[in-house]
């Protein structure tokens, strides 16, 4: 009768590696779930036809997350009912960075952005001055518009008020 093989640390490590390789999409480590969700909430706000860069997303989160972490989050985007627009996050040169990752269709990200109206040049770069979106700029513009509207209303109200004008002393 043969002795049962003793499981060593090396065999356990190999079994773990085999399991992780065989699973098609690994979920992020437990600590990253909350971080990735913060990233996804921001990316969900990017309107169609606009883009953000990995670095821009990381700076907006103000948590000292690296652009590389944002890239990992985009690579691990869950396929759920939210339809997170991972393709709207590009590199700082205005180009897509998924060519080596998406082997089945290397231009998938570029094609998805073009279908939303983003135009790329011959080198595969879009003009960030035209297509880059910033939630802070949007909020600042809205605040300026609201202040302008208030000051215009206040000016009109002052002109149209029925209060008698003060007469100059002689």
C-alpha atoms as a PDB file:
ATOM      1  CA  UNK A   1       0.000   0.000   0.000  1.00  0.00           C
ATOM      2  CA  UNK A   2       1.404   3.348  -1.046  1.00  0.00           C
ATOM      3  CA  UNK A   3       1.787   6.094   1.465  1.00  0.00           C
ATOM      4  CA  UNK A   4      -0.385   9.166   0.863  1.00  0.00           C
ATOM      5  CA  UNK A   5       1.640  12.049  -0.483  1.00  0.00           C
ATOM      6  CA  UNK A   6       2.363  14.679   2.102  1.00  0.00           C
ATOM      7  CA  UNK A   7       1.286  18.177   1.078  1.00  0.00           C
ATOM      8  CA  UNK A   8       4.171  20.562   1.448  1.00  0.00           C
ATOM      9  CA  UNK A   9       4.201  24.326   1.308  1.00  0.00           C
ATOM     10  CA  UNK A  10       5.464  24.142  -2.288  1.00  0.00           C
ATOM     11  CA  UNK A  11       2.611  21.895  -3.461  1.00  0.00           C
ATOM     12  CA  UNK A  12       0.046  24.124  -1.752  1.00  0.00           C
ATOM     13  CA  UNK A  13       1.533  27.178  -3.471  1.00  0.00           C
ATOM     14  CA  UNK A  14       1.381  25.427  -6.852  1.00  0.00           C
ATOM     15  CA  UNK A  15      -2.264  24.438  -6.272  1.00  0.00           C
ATOM     16  CA  UNK A  16      -3.113  28.021  -5.381  1.00  0.00           C
ATOM     17  CA  UNK A  17      -1.365  29.307  -8.517  1.00  0.00           C
ATOM     18  CA  UNK A  18      -3.199  26.772 -10.684  1.00  0.00           C
ATOM     19  CA  UNK A  19      -6.549  27.860  -9.257  1.00  0.00           C
ATOM     20  CA  UNK A  20      -5.801  31.540  -9.811  1.00  0.00           C
ATOM     21  CA  UNK A  21      -4.637  30.960 -13.390  1.00  0.00           C
ATOM     22  CA  UNK A  22      -7.700  28.897 -14.264  1.00  0.00           C
ATOM     23  CA  UNK A  23     -10.182  31.503 -13.033  1.00  0.00           C
ATOM     24  CA  UNK A  24     -10.994  33.862 -15.912  1.00  0.00           C
ATOM     25  CA  UNK A  25     -11.508  37.011 -13.859  1.00  0.00           C
ATOM     26  CA  UNK A  26      -9.996  37.322 -10.434  1.00  0.00           C
ATOM     27  CA  UNK A  27     -11.646  39.657  -8.005  1.00  0.00           C
ATOM     28  CA  UNK A  28      -9.448  42.291  -6.373  1.00  0.00           C
ATOM     29  CA  UNK A  29      -7.970  41.733  -2.937  1.00  0.00           C
ATOM     30  CA  UNK A  30     -10.420  42.578  -0.124  1.00  0.00           C
ATOM     31  CA  UNK A  31      -8.805  45.946   0.717  1.00  0.00           C
ATOM     32  CA  UNK A  32      -9.023  47.111  -2.877  1.00  0.00           C
ATOM     33  CA  UNK A  33     -12.804  46.655  -3.177  1.00  0.00           C
ATOM     34  CA  UNK A  34     -13.529  49.983  -1.452  1.00  0.00           C
ATOM     35  CA  UNK A  35     -10.821  51.804  -3.404  1.00  0.00           C
ATOM     36  CA  UNK A  36     -12.008  50.365  -6.711  1.00  0.00           C
ATOM     37  CA  UNK A  37     -15.605  51.360  -5.906  1.00  0.00           C
ATOM     38  CA  UNK A  38     -14.486  54.984  -5.347  1.00  0.00           C
ATOM     39  CA  UNK A  39     -12.813  54.885  -8.751  1.00  0.00           C
ATOM     40  CA  UNK A  40     -15.888  53.327 -10.397  1.00  0.00           C
ATOM     41  CA  UNK A  41     -18.206  55.982  -8.916  1.00  0.00           C
ATOM     42  CA  UNK A  42     -16.069  58.720 -10.463  1.00  0.00           C
ATOM     43  CA  UNK A  43     -15.758  56.948 -13.831  1.00  0.00           C
ATOM     44  CA  UNK A  44     -19.535  56.471 -13.979  1.00  0.00           C
ATOM     45  CA  UNK A  45     -19.883  60.274 -14.083  1.00  0.00           C
ATOM     46  CA  UNK A  46     -17.822  60.709 -17.277  1.00  0.00           C
ATOM     47  CA  UNK A  47     -20.276  61.638 -20.034  1.00  0.00           C
ATOM     48  CA  UNK A  48     -20.247  59.874 -23.422  1.00  0.00           C
ATOM     49  CA  UNK A  49     -17.777  61.415 -25.853  1.00  0.00           C
ATOM     50  CA  UNK A  50     -15.504  62.640 -23.057  1.00  0.00           C
ATOM     51  CA  UNK A  51     -12.460  61.092 -21.368  1.00  0.00           C
ATOM     52  CA  UNK A  52     -10.384  61.328 -18.217  1.00  0.00           C
ATOM     53  CA  UNK A  53      -6.786  60.228 -17.725  1.00  0.00           C
ATOM     54  CA  UNK A  54      -5.586  57.662 -15.199  1.00  0.00           C
ATOM     55  CA  UNK A  55      -3.591  60.397 -13.430  1.00  0.00           C
ATOM     56  CA  UNK A  56      -6.539  62.778 -13.383  1.00  0.00           C
ATOM     57  CA  UNK A  57      -8.742  60.152 -11.732  1.00  0.00           C
ATOM     58  CA  UNK A  58      -6.075  59.416  -9.143  1.00  0.00           C
ATOM     59  CA  UNK A  59      -5.607  63.139  -8.335  1.00  0.00           C
ATOM     60  CA  UNK A  60      -9.360  63.740  -7.997  1.00  0.00           C
ATOM     61  CA  UNK A  61      -9.694  60.976  -5.415  1.00  0.00           C
ATOM     62  CA  UNK A  62      -7.228  62.840  -3.168  1.00  0.00           C
ATOM     63  CA  UNK A  63      -6.234  59.634  -1.443  1.00  0.00           C
ATOM     64  CA  UNK A  64      -2.763  59.320  -2.960  1.00  0.00           C
ATOM     65  CA  UNK A  65      -3.808  56.517  -5.254  1.00  0.00           C
ATOM     66  CA  UNK A  66      -1.488  56.018  -8.192  1.00  0.00           C
ATOM     67  CA  UNK A  67      -2.536  56.176 -11.838  1.00  0.00           C
ATOM     68  CA  UNK A  68      -1.399  52.561 -12.076  1.00  0.00           C
ATOM     69  CA  UNK A  69      -3.966  51.575  -9.424  1.00  0.00           C
ATOM     70  CA  UNK A  70      -6.648  53.302 -11.498  1.00  0.00           C
ATOM     71  CA  UNK A  71      -5.491  51.204 -14.469  1.00  0.00           C
ATOM     72  CA  UNK A  72      -5.789  48.026 -12.410  1.00  0.00           C
ATOM     73  CA  UNK A  73      -9.294  49.044 -11.371  1.00  0.00           C
ATOM     74  CA  UNK A  74     -10.266  49.637 -15.005  1.00  0.00           C
ATOM     75  CA  UNK A  75      -8.856  46.230 -15.930  1.00  0.00           C
ATOM     76  CA  UNK A  76     -10.896  44.628 -13.125  1.00  0.00           C
ATOM     77  CA  UNK A  77     -14.139  46.477 -13.935  1.00  0.00           C
ATOM     78  CA  UNK A  78     -17.065  44.216 -12.997  1.00  0.00           C
ATOM     79  CA  UNK A  79     -19.550  43.274 -15.697  1.00  0.00           C
ATOM     80  CA  UNK A  80     -22.728  44.279 -13.874  1.00  0.00           C
ATOM     81  CA  UNK A  81     -25.850  46.375 -14.401  1.00  0.00           C
ATOM     82  CA  UNK A  82     -23.948  49.644 -13.837  1.00  0.00           C
ATOM     83  CA  UNK A  83     -22.071  49.317 -17.157  1.00  0.00           C
ATOM     84  CA  UNK A  84     -19.016  51.174 -15.885  1.00  0.00           C
ATOM     85  CA  UNK A  85     -17.490  53.025 -18.877  1.00  0.00           C
ATOM     86  CA  UNK A  86     -13.914  51.789 -18.386  1.00  0.00           C
ATOM     87  CA  UNK A  87     -13.084  52.775 -21.953  1.00  0.00           C
ATOM     88  CA  UNK A  88     -13.379  56.495 -21.119  1.00  0.00           C
ATOM     89  CA  UNK A  89     -10.194  56.426 -19.021  1.00  0.00           C
ATOM     90  CA  UNK A  90      -7.062  56.849 -21.158  1.00  0.00           C
ATOM     91  CA  UNK A  91      -3.400  57.709 -20.692  1.00  0.00           C
ATOM     92  CA  UNK A  92      -1.920  61.175 -20.268  1.00  0.00           C
ATOM     93  CA  UNK A  93      -0.927  61.415 -23.942  1.00  0.00           C
ATOM     94  CA  UNK A  94      -4.563  61.033 -25.002  1.00  0.00           C
ATOM     95  CA  UNK A  95      -4.088  57.478 -26.234  1.00  0.00           C
ATOM     96  CA  UNK A  96      -5.630  54.168 -25.254  1.00  0.00           C
ATOM     97  CA  UNK A  97      -3.552  51.752 -23.207  1.00  0.00           C
ATOM     98  CA  UNK A  98      -5.437  48.491 -23.534  1.00  0.00           C
ATOM     99  CA  UNK A  99      -3.891  47.125 -26.749  1.00  0.00           C
ATOM    100  CA  UNK A 100      -1.672  44.619 -24.948  1.00  0.00           C
ATOM    101  CA  UNK A 101      -4.370  43.626 -22.462  1.00  0.00           C
ATOM    102  CA  UNK A 102      -7.322  43.039 -24.800  1.00  0.00           C
ATOM    103  CA  UNK A 103      -5.769  40.464 -27.068  1.00  0.00           C
ATOM    104  CA  UNK A 104      -9.009  39.394 -28.775  1.00  0.00           C
ATOM    105  CA  UNK A 105      -9.696  42.931 -30.033  1.00  0.00           C
ATOM    106  CA  UNK A 106      -6.711  45.239 -29.370  1.00  0.00           C
ATOM    107  CA  UNK A 107      -8.497  48.359 -30.674  1.00  0.00           C
ATOM    108  CA  UNK A 108     -11.677  47.816 -28.645  1.00  0.00           C
ATOM    109  CA  UNK A 109     -11.211  50.870 -26.419  1.00  0.00           C
ATOM    110  CA  UNK A 110     -10.395  53.109 -29.378  1.00  0.00           C
ATOM    111  CA  UNK A 111     -13.401  51.832 -31.334  1.00  0.00           C
ATOM    112  CA  UNK A 112     -15.738  52.365 -28.379  1.00  0.00           C
ATOM    113  CA  UNK A 113     -14.538  55.952 -27.924  1.00  0.00           C
ATOM    114  CA  UNK A 114     -14.804  56.676 -31.648  1.00  0.00           C
ATOM    115  CA  UNK A 115     -18.386  55.404 -31.596  1.00  0.00           C
ATOM    116  CA  UNK A 116     -19.078  58.074 -28.945  1.00  0.00           C
ATOM    117  CA  UNK A 117     -17.600  60.808 -31.144  1.00  0.00           C
ATOM    118  CA  UNK A 118     -14.025  61.038 -29.854  1.00  0.00           C
ATOM    119  CA  UNK A 119     -11.663  61.670 -32.775  1.00  0.00           C
ATOM    120  CA  UNK A 120      -8.147  60.198 -32.796  1.00  0.00           C
ATOM    121  CA  UNK A 121      -5.294  61.332 -35.040  1.00  0.00           C
ATOM    122  CA  UNK A 122      -3.020  59.090 -37.133  1.00  0.00           C
ATOM    123  CA  UNK A 123      -0.873  58.303 -34.089  1.00  0.00           C
ATOM    124  CA  UNK A 124      -3.890  57.195 -32.052  1.00  0.00           C
ATOM    125  CA  UNK A 125      -4.101  60.270 -29.801  1.00  0.00           C
ATOM    126  CA  UNK A 126      -7.156  62.406 -29.082  1.00  0.00           C
ATOM    127  CA  UNK A 127      -6.952  66.105 -28.242  1.00  0.00           C
ATOM    128  CA  UNK A 128      -7.309  66.260 -24.458  1.00  0.00           C
ATOM    129  CA  UNK A 129      -8.045  69.998 -24.649  1.00  0.00           C
ATOM    130  CA  UNK A 130     -11.233  69.055 -26.498  1.00  0.00           C
ATOM    131  CA  UNK A 131     -12.291  65.710 -25.002  1.00  0.00           C
ATOM    132  CA  UNK A 132     -10.983  65.706 -21.422  1.00  0.00           C
ATOM    133  CA  UNK A 133     -13.736  66.021 -18.831  1.00  0.00           C
ATOM    134  CA  UNK A 134     -13.384  67.374 -15.324  1.00  0.00           C
ATOM    135  CA  UNK A 135     -16.139  67.215 -12.709  1.00  0.00           C
ATOM    136  CA  UNK A 136     -14.519  70.108 -10.833  1.00  0.00           C
ATOM    137  CA  UNK A 137     -14.618  72.406 -13.860  1.00  0.00           C
ATOM    138  CA  UNK A 138     -18.241  71.482 -14.375  1.00  0.00           C
ATOM    139  CA  UNK A 139     -19.071  72.259 -10.740  1.00  0.00           C
ATOM    140  CA  UNK A 140     -17.131  75.537 -10.880  1.00  0.00           C
ATOM    141  CA  UNK A 141     -18.930  76.607 -14.081  1.00  0.00           C
ATOM    142  CA  UNK A 142     -22.299  75.798 -12.521  1.00  0.00           C
ATOM    143  CA  UNK A 143     -21.421  77.840  -9.439  1.00  0.00           C
ATOM    144  CA  UNK A 144     -20.300  80.822 -11.551  1.00  0.00           C
ATOM    145  CA  UNK A 145     -23.502  80.665 -13.601  1.00  0.00           C
ATOM    146  CA  UNK A 146     -25.611  80.532 -10.454  1.00  0.00           C
ATOM    147  CA  UNK A 147     -23.768  83.544  -8.973  1.00  0.00           C
ATOM    148  CA  UNK A 148     -24.217  85.476 -12.222  1.00  0.00           C
ATOM    149  CA  UNK A 149     -27.918  84.684 -12.270  1.00  0.00           C
ATOM    150  CA  UNK A 150     -28.302  85.829  -8.647  1.00  0.00           C
ATOM    151  CA  UNK A 151     -26.433  89.081  -9.254  1.00  0.00           C
ATOM    152  CA  UNK A 152     -28.479  89.771 -12.394  1.00  0.00           C
ATOM    153  CA  UNK A 153     -31.723  89.142 -10.499  1.00  0.00           C
ATOM    154  CA  UNK A 154     -30.554  91.307  -7.616  1.00  0.00           C
ATOM    155  CA  UNK A 155     -29.683  94.126 -10.032  1.00  0.00           C
ATOM    156  CA  UNK A 156     -33.069  93.881 -11.750  1.00  0.00           C
ATOM    157  CA  UNK A 157     -34.899  93.790  -8.430  1.00  0.00           C
ATOM    158  CA  UNK A 158     -33.062  96.883  -7.260  1.00  0.00           C
ATOM    159  CA  UNK A 159     -33.930  98.793 -10.452  1.00  0.00           C
ATOM    160  CA  UNK A 160     -37.546  97.746 -10.456  1.00  0.00           C
ATOM    161  CA  UNK A 161     -38.248  98.229  -6.787  1.00  0.00           C
ATOM    162  CA  UNK A 162     -40.917 100.793  -6.083  1.00  0.00           C
ATOM    163  CA  UNK A 163     -38.859 102.557  -3.438  1.00  0.00           C
ATOM    164  CA  UNK A 164     -38.560 106.284  -3.999  1.00  0.00           C
ATOM    165  CA  UNK A 165     -35.146 107.531  -4.992  1.00  0.00           C
ATOM    166  CA  UNK A 166     -33.217 109.696  -2.566  1.00  0.00           C
ATOM    167  CA  UNK A 167     -33.129 113.316  -3.523  1.00  0.00           C
ATOM    168  CA  UNK A 168     -29.867 115.206  -3.479  1.00  0.00           C
ATOM    169  CA  UNK A 169     -29.521 117.978  -0.912  1.00  0.00           C
ATOM    170  CA  UNK A 170     -29.160 121.467  -2.258  1.00  0.00           C
END
